[in-house]
PDB file of N, CA and C in Angstrom:
ATOM      1  N   MET A   1     -86.871 -18.287  -5.247  1.00  0.00           N
ATOM      2  CA  MET A   1     -85.804 -18.261  -4.274  1.00  0.00           C
ATOM      3  C   MET A   1     -85.122 -19.621  -4.270  1.00  0.00           C
ATOM      4  N   ARG A   2     -83.827 -19.636  -4.282  1.00  0.00           N
ATOM      5  CA  ARG A   2     -83.060 -20.881  -4.243  1.00  0.00           C
ATOM      6  C   ARG A   2     -82.320 -20.974  -2.918  1.00  0.00           C
ATOM      7  N   LEU A   3     -82.440 -22.123  -2.270  1.00  0.00           N
ATOM      8  CA  LEU A   3     -81.706 -22.371  -1.039  1.00  0.00           C
ATOM      9  C   LEU A   3     -80.331 -22.900  -1.408  1.00  0.00           C
ATOM     10  N   THR A   4     -79.289 -22.191  -1.046  1.00  0.00           N
ATOM     11  CA  THR A   4     -77.941 -22.601  -1.424  1.00  0.00           C
ATOM     12  C   THR A   4     -77.543 -23.926  -0.790  1.00  0.00           C
ATOM     13  N   VAL A   5     -78.147 -24.269   0.349  1.00  0.00           N
ATOM     14  CA  VAL A   5     -77.802 -25.521   1.014  1.00  0.00           C
ATOM     15  C   VAL A   5     -78.160 -26.719   0.128  1.00  0.00           C
ATOM     16  N   THR A   6     -79.137 -26.568  -0.758  1.00  0.00           N
ATOM     17  CA  THR A   6     -79.515 -27.688  -1.640  1.00  0.00           C
ATOM     18  C   THR A   6     -78.478 -27.919  -2.733  1.00  0.00           C
ATOM     19  N   GLU A   7     -77.485 -27.051  -2.829  1.00  0.00           N
ATOM     20  CA  GLU A   7     -76.400 -27.237  -3.790  1.00  0.00           C
ATOM     21  C   GLU A   7     -75.361 -28.228  -3.273  1.00  0.00           C
ATOM     22  N   SER A   8     -75.177 -28.273  -1.941  1.00  0.00           N
ATOM     23  CA  SER A   8     -74.081 -29.096  -1.433  1.00  0.00           C
ATOM     24  C   SER A   8     -74.354 -29.765  -0.085  1.00  0.00           C
ATOM     25  N   GLY A   9     -75.522 -29.614   0.489  1.00  0.00           N
ATOM     26  CA  GLY A   9     -75.758 -30.118   1.841  1.00  0.00           C
ATOM     27  C   GLY A   9     -76.430 -31.477   1.925  1.00  0.00           C
ATOM     28  N   HIS A  10     -76.344 -32.282   0.887  1.00  0.00           N
ATOM     29  CA  HIS A  10     -77.023 -33.574   0.874  1.00  0.00           C
ATOM     30  C   HIS A  10     -76.254 -34.648   1.634  1.00  0.00           C
ATOM     31  N   ALA A  11     -77.006 -35.598   2.185  1.00  0.00           N
ATOM     32  CA  ALA A  11     -76.393 -36.777   2.794  1.00  0.00           C
ATOM     33  C   ALA A  11     -75.733 -37.604   1.695  1.00  0.00           C
ATOM     34  N   LEU A  12     -74.803 -38.448   2.067  1.00  0.00           N
ATOM     35  CA  LEU A  12     -74.017 -39.207   1.092  1.00  0.00           C
ATOM     36  C   LEU A  12     -74.875 -39.982   0.081  1.00  0.00           C
ATOM     37  N   PRO A  13     -75.875 -40.763   0.488  1.00  0.00           N
ATOM     38  CA  PRO A  13     -76.653 -41.501  -0.522  1.00  0.00           C
ATOM     39  C   PRO A  13     -77.347 -40.581  -1.525  1.00  0.00           C
ATOM     40  N   ASN A  14     -77.866 -39.455  -1.053  1.00  0.00           N
ATOM     41  CA  ASN A  14     -78.528 -38.515  -1.951  1.00  0.00           C
ATOM     42  C   ASN A  14     -77.532 -37.808  -2.851  1.00  0.00           C
ATOM     43  N   ARG A  15     -76.367 -37.491  -2.316  1.00  0.00           N
ATOM     44  CA  ARG A  15     -75.309 -36.871  -3.112  1.00  0.00           C
ATOM     45  C   ARG A  15     -74.865 -37.815  -4.226  1.00  0.00           C
ATOM     46  N   MET A  16     -74.747 -39.103  -3.895  1.00  0.00           N
ATOM     47  CA  MET A  16     -74.351 -40.102  -4.900  1.00  0.00           C
ATOM     48  C   MET A  16     -75.422 -40.217  -5.988  1.00  0.00           C
ATOM     49  N   PHE A  17     -76.701 -40.208  -5.575  1.00  0.00           N
ATOM     50  CA  PHE A  17     -77.790 -40.275  -6.537  1.00  0.00           C
ATOM     51  C   PHE A  17     -77.734 -39.086  -7.500  1.00  0.00           C
ATOM     52  N   LEU A  18     -77.551 -37.889  -6.965  1.00  0.00           N
ATOM     53  CA  LEU A  18     -77.508 -36.699  -7.816  1.00  0.00           C
ATOM     54  C   LEU A  18     -76.309 -36.724  -8.754  1.00  0.00           C
ATOM     55  N   LYS A  19     -75.159 -37.217  -8.277  1.00  0.00           N
ATOM     56  CA  LYS A  19     -73.987 -37.334  -9.153  1.00  0.00           C
ATOM     57  C   LYS A  19     -74.216 -38.358 -10.253  1.00  0.00           C
ATOM     58  N   MET A  20     -74.860 -39.484  -9.898  1.00  0.00           N
ATOM     59  CA  MET A  20     -75.161 -40.500 -10.902  1.00  0.00           C
ATOM     60  C   MET A  20     -76.132 -39.937 -11.943  1.00  0.00           C
ATOM     61  N   LEU A  21     -77.104 -39.173 -11.485  1.00  0.00           N
ATOM     62  CA  LEU A  21     -78.062 -38.557 -12.392  1.00  0.00           C
ATOM     63  C   LEU A  21     -77.355 -37.586 -13.332  1.00  0.00           C
ATOM     64  N   LYS A  22     -76.464 -36.779 -12.797  1.00  0.00           N
ATOM     65  CA  LYS A  22     -75.704 -35.839 -13.629  1.00  0.00           C
ATOM     66  C   LYS A  22     -74.850 -36.595 -14.639  1.00  0.00           C
ATOM     67  N   TRP A  23     -74.205 -37.651 -14.203  1.00  0.00           N
ATOM     68  CA  TRP A  23     -73.366 -38.451 -15.098  1.00  0.00           C
ATOM     69  C   TRP A  23     -74.201 -39.085 -16.216  1.00  0.00           C
ATOM     70  N   SER A  24     -75.357 -39.631 -15.865  1.00  0.00           N
ATOM     71  CA  SER A  24     -76.155 -40.346 -16.870  1.00  0.00           C
ATOM     72  C   SER A  24     -76.867 -39.419 -17.845  1.00  0.00           C
ATOM     73  N   THR A  25     -77.215 -38.205 -17.403  1.00  0.00           N
ATOM     74  CA  THR A  25     -77.923 -37.288 -18.299  1.00  0.00           C
ATOM     75  C   THR A  25     -77.004 -36.259 -18.942  1.00  0.00           C
ATOM     76  N   GLY A  26     -75.846 -36.040 -18.337  1.00  0.00           N
ATOM     77  CA  GLY A  26     -74.927 -35.029 -18.856  1.00  0.00           C
ATOM     78  C   GLY A  26     -75.337 -33.610 -18.489  1.00  0.00           C
ATOM     79  N   ALA A  27     -76.286 -33.485 -17.557  1.00  0.00           N
ATOM     80  CA  ALA A  27     -76.752 -32.159 -17.141  1.00  0.00           C
ATOM     81  C   ALA A  27     -76.935 -32.134 -15.629  1.00  0.00           C
ATOM     82  N   GLU A  28     -76.870 -30.941 -15.074  1.00  0.00           N
ATOM     83  CA  GLU A  28     -77.119 -30.780 -13.638  1.00  0.00           C
ATOM     84  C   GLU A  28     -78.563 -31.159 -13.327  1.00  0.00           C
ATOM     85  N   PRO A  29     -78.804 -31.856 -12.220  1.00  0.00           N
ATOM     86  CA  PRO A  29     -80.190 -32.139 -11.822  1.00  0.00           C
ATOM     87  C   PRO A  29     -80.953 -30.835 -11.589  1.00  0.00           C
ATOM     88  N   VAL A  30     -82.216 -30.824 -11.942  1.00  0.00           N
ATOM     89  CA  VAL A  30     -83.030 -29.618 -11.766  1.00  0.00           C
ATOM     90  C   VAL A  30     -83.243 -29.353 -10.282  1.00  0.00           C
ATOM     91  N   ASP A  31     -83.576 -28.110  -9.966  1.00  0.00           N
ATOM     92  CA  ASP A  31     -83.693 -27.676  -8.576  1.00  0.00           C
ATOM     93  C   ASP A  31     -84.706 -28.485  -7.772  1.00  0.00           C
ATOM     94  N   VAL A  32     -85.814 -28.872  -8.396  1.00  0.00           N
ATOM     95  CA  VAL A  32     -86.824 -29.612  -7.638  1.00  0.00           C
ATOM     96  C   VAL A  32     -86.258 -30.952  -7.160  1.00  0.00           C
ATOM     97  N   LEU A  33     -85.437 -31.608  -7.956  1.00  0.00           N
ATOM     98  CA  LEU A  33     -84.819 -32.865  -7.519  1.00  0.00           C
ATOM     99  C   LEU A  33     -83.815 -32.630  -6.405  1.00  0.00           C
ATOM    100  N   ARG A  34     -83.053 -31.551  -6.517  1.00  0.00           N
ATOM    101  CA  ARG A  34     -82.105 -31.227  -5.450  1.00  0.00           C
ATOM    102  C   ARG A  34     -82.843 -30.988  -4.130  1.00  0.00           C
ATOM    103  N   THR A  35     -83.978 -30.301  -4.204  1.00  0.00           N
ATOM    104  CA  THR A  35     -84.760 -30.015  -3.001  1.00  0.00           C
ATOM    105  C   THR A  35     -85.364 -31.289  -2.426  1.00  0.00           C
ATOM    106  N   LEU A  36     -85.966 -32.118  -3.290  1.00  0.00           N
ATOM    107  CA  LEU A  36     -86.591 -33.349  -2.813  1.00  0.00           C
ATOM    108  C   LEU A  36     -85.580 -34.298  -2.180  1.00  0.00           C
ATOM    109  N   HIS A  37     -84.338 -34.249  -2.638  1.00  0.00           N
ATOM    110  CA  HIS A  37     -83.312 -35.140  -2.099  1.00  0.00           C
ATOM    111  C   HIS A  37     -82.456 -34.490  -1.010  1.00  0.00           C
ATOM    112  N   TYR A  38     -82.781 -33.257  -0.629  1.00  0.00           N
ATOM    113  CA  TYR A  38     -81.983 -32.586   0.401  1.00  0.00           C
ATOM    114  C   TYR A  38     -82.239 -33.198   1.777  1.00  0.00           C
ATOM    115  N   ARG A  39     -83.449 -33.124   2.266  1.00  0.00           N
ATOM    116  CA  ARG A  39     -83.808 -33.756   3.542  1.00  0.00           C
ATOM    117  C   ARG A  39     -85.059 -34.576   3.278  1.00  0.00           C
ATOM    118  N   THR A  40     -84.865 -35.780   2.799  1.00  0.00           N
ATOM    119  CA  THR A  40     -85.983 -36.605   2.367  1.00  0.00           C
ATOM    120  C   THR A  40     -86.971 -36.903   3.491  1.00  0.00           C
ATOM    121  N   ASP A  41     -86.492 -37.023   4.722  1.00  0.00           N
ATOM    122  CA  ASP A  41     -87.398 -37.299   5.838  1.00  0.00           C
ATOM    123  C   ASP A  41     -88.305 -36.109   6.153  1.00  0.00           C
ATOM    124  N   PHE A  42     -87.814 -34.912   5.924  1.00  0.00           N
ATOM    125  CA  PHE A  42     -88.569 -33.704   6.242  1.00  0.00           C
ATOM    126  C   PHE A  42     -89.334 -33.171   5.040  1.00  0.00           C
ATOM    127  N   TRP A  43     -88.701 -33.191   3.880  1.00  0.00           N
ATOM    128  CA  TRP A  43     -89.286 -32.561   2.705  1.00  0.00           C
ATOM    129  C   TRP A  43     -89.653 -33.561   1.624  1.00  0.00           C
ATOM    130  N   GLY A  44     -88.750 -34.387   1.219  1.00  0.00           N
ATOM    131  CA  GLY A  44     -88.940 -35.242   0.054  1.00  0.00           C
ATOM    132  C   GLY A  44     -90.089 -36.224   0.155  1.00  0.00           C
ATOM    133  N   ARG A  45     -90.083 -37.078   1.155  1.00  0.00           N
ATOM    134  CA  ARG A  45     -91.136 -38.098   1.273  1.00  0.00           C
ATOM    135  C   ARG A  45     -92.514 -37.502   1.562  1.00  0.00           C
ATOM    136  N   PRO A  46     -92.648 -36.594   2.544  1.00  0.00           N
ATOM    137  CA  PRO A  46     -93.978 -36.024   2.792  1.00  0.00           C
ATOM    138  C   PRO A  46     -94.534 -35.277   1.581  1.00  0.00           C
ATOM    139  N   TYR A  47     -93.695 -34.505   0.900  1.00  0.00           N
ATOM    140  CA  TYR A  47     -94.152 -33.761  -0.271  1.00  0.00           C
ATOM    141  C   TYR A  47     -94.528 -34.712  -1.397  1.00  0.00           C
ATOM    142  N   SER A  48     -93.716 -35.718  -1.626  1.00  0.00           N
ATOM    143  CA  SER A  48     -94.002 -36.680  -2.687  1.00  0.00           C
ATOM    144  C   SER A  48     -95.297 -37.435  -2.415  1.00  0.00           C
ATOM    145  N   THR A  49     -95.537 -37.795  -1.158  1.00  0.00           N
ATOM    146  CA  THR A  49     -96.786 -38.475  -0.788  1.00  0.00           C
ATOM    147  C   THR A  49     -97.981 -37.559  -1.023  1.00  0.00           C
ATOM    148  N   LEU A  50     -97.879 -36.317  -0.600  1.00  0.00           N
ATOM    149  CA  LEU A  50     -98.951 -35.352  -0.813  1.00  0.00           C
ATOM    150  C   LEU A  50     -99.206 -35.147  -2.302  1.00  0.00           C
ATOM    151  N   LEU A  51     -98.153 -34.977  -3.068  1.00  0.00           N
ATOM    152  CA  LEU A  51     -98.295 -34.771  -4.509  1.00  0.00           C
ATOM    153  C   LEU A  51     -98.968 -35.969  -5.175  1.00  0.00           C
ATOM    154  N   GLN A  52     -98.590 -37.161  -4.774  1.00  0.00           N
ATOM    155  CA  GLN A  52     -99.202 -38.373  -5.322  1.00  0.00           C
ATOM    156  C   GLN A  52    -100.697 -38.411  -5.002  1.00  0.00           C
ATOM    157  N   ASP A  53    -101.046 -38.068  -3.775  1.00  0.00           N
ATOM    158  CA  ASP A  53    -102.460 -38.044  -3.386  1.00  0.00           C
ATOM    159  C   ASP A  53    -103.247 -37.016  -4.196  1.00  0.00           C
ATOM    160  N   VAL A  54    -102.668 -35.840  -4.364  1.00  0.00           N
ATOM    161  CA  VAL A  54    -103.351 -34.775  -5.096  1.00  0.00           C
ATOM    162  C   VAL A  54    -103.496 -35.116  -6.575  1.00  0.00           C
ATOM    163  N   MET A  55    -102.442 -35.640  -7.173  1.00  0.00           N
ATOM    164  CA  MET A  55    -102.465 -35.877  -8.616  1.00  0.00           C
ATOM    165  C   MET A  55    -103.124 -37.194  -9.011  1.00  0.00           C
ATOM    166  N   ARG A  56    -103.163 -38.177  -8.115  1.00  0.00           N
ATOM    167  CA  ARG A  56    -103.694 -39.488  -8.492  1.00  0.00           C
ATOM    168  C   ARG A  56    -104.814 -39.997  -7.594  1.00  0.00           C
ATOM    169  N   GLY A  57    -105.115 -39.276  -6.525  1.00  0.00           N
ATOM    170  CA  GLY A  57    -106.157 -39.700  -5.602  1.00  0.00           C
ATOM    171  C   GLY A  57    -107.552 -39.450  -6.155  1.00  0.00           C
ATOM    172  N   PRO A  58    -108.571 -39.788  -5.369  1.00  0.00           N
ATOM    173  CA  PRO A  58    -109.952 -39.589  -5.807  1.00  0.00           C
ATOM    174  C   PRO A  58    -110.229 -38.116  -6.136  1.00  0.00           C
ATOM    175  N   SER A  59    -110.922 -37.895  -7.240  1.00  0.00           N
ATOM    176  CA  SER A  59    -111.227 -36.538  -7.672  1.00  0.00           C
ATOM    177  C   SER A  59    -112.272 -36.564  -8.770  1.00  0.00           C
ATOM    178  N   GLU A  60    -112.947 -35.451  -8.955  1.00  0.00           N
ATOM    179  CA  GLU A  60    -113.863 -35.316 -10.087  1.00  0.00           C
ATOM    180  C   GLU A  60    -113.085 -35.128 -11.385  1.00  0.00           C
ATOM    181  N   TRP A  61    -111.812 -34.728 -11.281  1.00  0.00           N
ATOM    182  CA  TRP A  61    -110.971 -34.510 -12.453  1.00  0.00           C
ATOM    183  C   TRP A  61    -110.118 -35.747 -12.717  1.00  0.00           C
ATOM    184  N   SER A  62    -109.904 -36.040 -13.969  1.00  0.00           N
ATOM    185  CA  SER A  62    -109.048 -37.175 -14.334  1.00  0.00           C
ATOM    186  C   SER A  62    -107.588 -36.815 -14.059  1.00  0.00           C
ATOM    187  N   PRO A  63    -106.706 -37.825 -13.950  1.00  0.00           N
ATOM    188  CA  PRO A  63    -105.280 -37.521 -13.795  1.00  0.00           C
ATOM    189  C   PRO A  63    -104.750 -36.645 -14.941  1.00  0.00           C
ATOM    190  N   GLY A  64    -105.239 -36.877 -16.151  1.00  0.00           N
ATOM    191  CA  GLY A  64    -104.804 -36.057 -17.288  1.00  0.00           C
ATOM    192  C   GLY A  64    -105.199 -34.604 -17.136  1.00  0.00           C
ATOM    193  N   GLU A  65    -106.410 -34.362 -16.640  1.00  0.00           N
ATOM    194  CA  GLU A  65    -106.852 -32.978 -16.415  1.00  0.00           C
ATOM    195  C   GLU A  65    -106.004 -32.313 -15.338  1.00  0.00           C
ATOM    196  N   ARG A  66    -105.689 -33.051 -14.291  1.00  0.00           N
ATOM    197  CA  ARG A  66    -104.854 -32.487 -13.228  1.00  0.00           C
ATOM    198  C   ARG A  66    -103.450 -32.183 -13.733  1.00  0.00           C
ATOM    199  N   GLU A  67    -102.907 -33.058 -14.589  1.00  0.00           N
ATOM    200  CA  GLU A  67    -101.594 -32.794 -15.187  1.00  0.00           C
ATOM    201  C   GLU A  67    -101.638 -31.542 -16.059  1.00  0.00           C
ATOM    202  N   LEU A  68    -102.733 -31.377 -16.799  1.00  0.00           N
ATOM    203  CA  LEU A  68    -102.882 -30.200 -17.638  1.00  0.00           C
ATOM    204  C   LEU A  68    -102.952 -28.930 -16.790  1.00  0.00           C
ATOM    205  N   PHE A  69    -103.699 -28.974 -15.684  1.00  0.00           N
ATOM    206  CA  PHE A  69    -103.760 -27.827 -14.778  1.00  0.00           C
ATOM    207  C   PHE A  69    -102.362 -27.508 -14.227  1.00  0.00           C
ATOM    208  N   ALA A  70    -101.631 -28.543 -13.861  1.00  0.00           N
ATOM    209  CA  ALA A  70    -100.278 -28.336 -13.322  1.00  0.00           C
ATOM    210  C   ALA A  70     -99.361 -27.731 -14.384  1.00  0.00           C
ATOM    211  N   ALA A  71     -99.455 -28.217 -15.611  1.00  0.00           N
ATOM    212  CA  ALA A  71     -98.620 -27.682 -16.694  1.00  0.00           C
ATOM    213  C   ALA A  71     -98.967 -26.225 -16.975  1.00  0.00           C
ATOM    214  N   PHE A  72    -100.248 -25.909 -16.993  1.00  0.00           N
ATOM    215  CA  PHE A  72    -100.681 -24.531 -17.230  1.00  0.00           C
ATOM    216  C   PHE A  72    -100.175 -23.612 -16.123  1.00  0.00           C
ATOM    217  N   THR A  73    -100.335 -24.056 -14.872  1.00  0.00           N
ATOM    218  CA  THR A  73     -99.886 -23.256 -13.737  1.00  0.00           C
ATOM    219  C   THR A  73     -98.376 -23.035 -13.787  1.00  0.00           C
ATOM    220  N   ALA A  74     -97.631 -24.071 -14.146  1.00  0.00           N
ATOM    221  CA  ALA A  74     -96.183 -23.938 -14.262  1.00  0.00           C
ATOM    222  C   ALA A  74     -95.820 -22.950 -15.362  1.00  0.00           C
ATOM    223  N   ARG A  75     -96.525 -23.009 -16.454  1.00  0.00           N
ATOM    224  CA  ARG A  75     -96.249 -22.096 -17.572  1.00  0.00           C
ATOM    225  C   ARG A  75     -96.519 -20.657 -17.169  1.00  0.00           C
ATOM    226  N   VAL A  76     -97.641 -20.420 -16.507  1.00  0.00           N
ATOM    227  CA  VAL A  76     -97.992 -19.074 -16.071  1.00  0.00           C
ATOM    228  C   VAL A  76     -96.940 -18.564 -15.083  1.00  0.00           C
ATOM    229  N   GLY A  77     -96.442 -19.458 -14.228  1.00  0.00           N
ATOM    230  CA  GLY A  77     -95.419 -19.094 -13.250  1.00  0.00           C
ATOM    231  C   GLY A  77     -94.010 -19.124 -13.803  1.00  0.00           C
ATOM    232  N   ASP A  78     -93.867 -19.350 -15.105  1.00  0.00           N
ATOM    233  CA  ASP A  78     -92.567 -19.413 -15.778  1.00  0.00           C
ATOM    234  C   ASP A  78     -91.651 -20.461 -15.153  1.00  0.00           C
ATOM    235  N   CYS A  79     -92.237 -21.622 -14.855  1.00  0.00           N
ATOM    236  CA  CYS A  79     -91.512 -22.752 -14.266  1.00  0.00           C
ATOM    237  C   CYS A  79     -91.348 -23.821 -15.324  1.00  0.00           C
ATOM    238  N   GLU A  80     -90.223 -24.512 -15.354  1.00  0.00           N
ATOM    239  CA  GLU A  80     -89.997 -25.526 -16.375  1.00  0.00           C
ATOM    240  C   GLU A  80     -90.814 -26.784 -16.154  1.00  0.00           C
ATOM    241  N   PHE A  81     -91.528 -26.895 -15.059  1.00  0.00           N
ATOM    242  CA  PHE A  81     -92.383 -28.049 -14.821  1.00  0.00           C
ATOM    243  C   PHE A  81     -93.800 -27.670 -15.084  1.00  0.00           C
TER     244      PHE A  81
END
């Protein structure tokens, strides 16, 4: 499901970042970046902090193993990440 508000509802600094990213790469930013930069106080920062803790925090699995699990899960879910 795609939230249409993430296409155009960004605050000015985030909108500028996404435009700069599009200009520098020559491609539209992927949906996950649009979502993370939509409401950074509500979604972006808390999610990024949680993701960092999960992927790099203490665990019996190495960061490489966790990345492999994430890649496998994305592939099974037909996600580009």
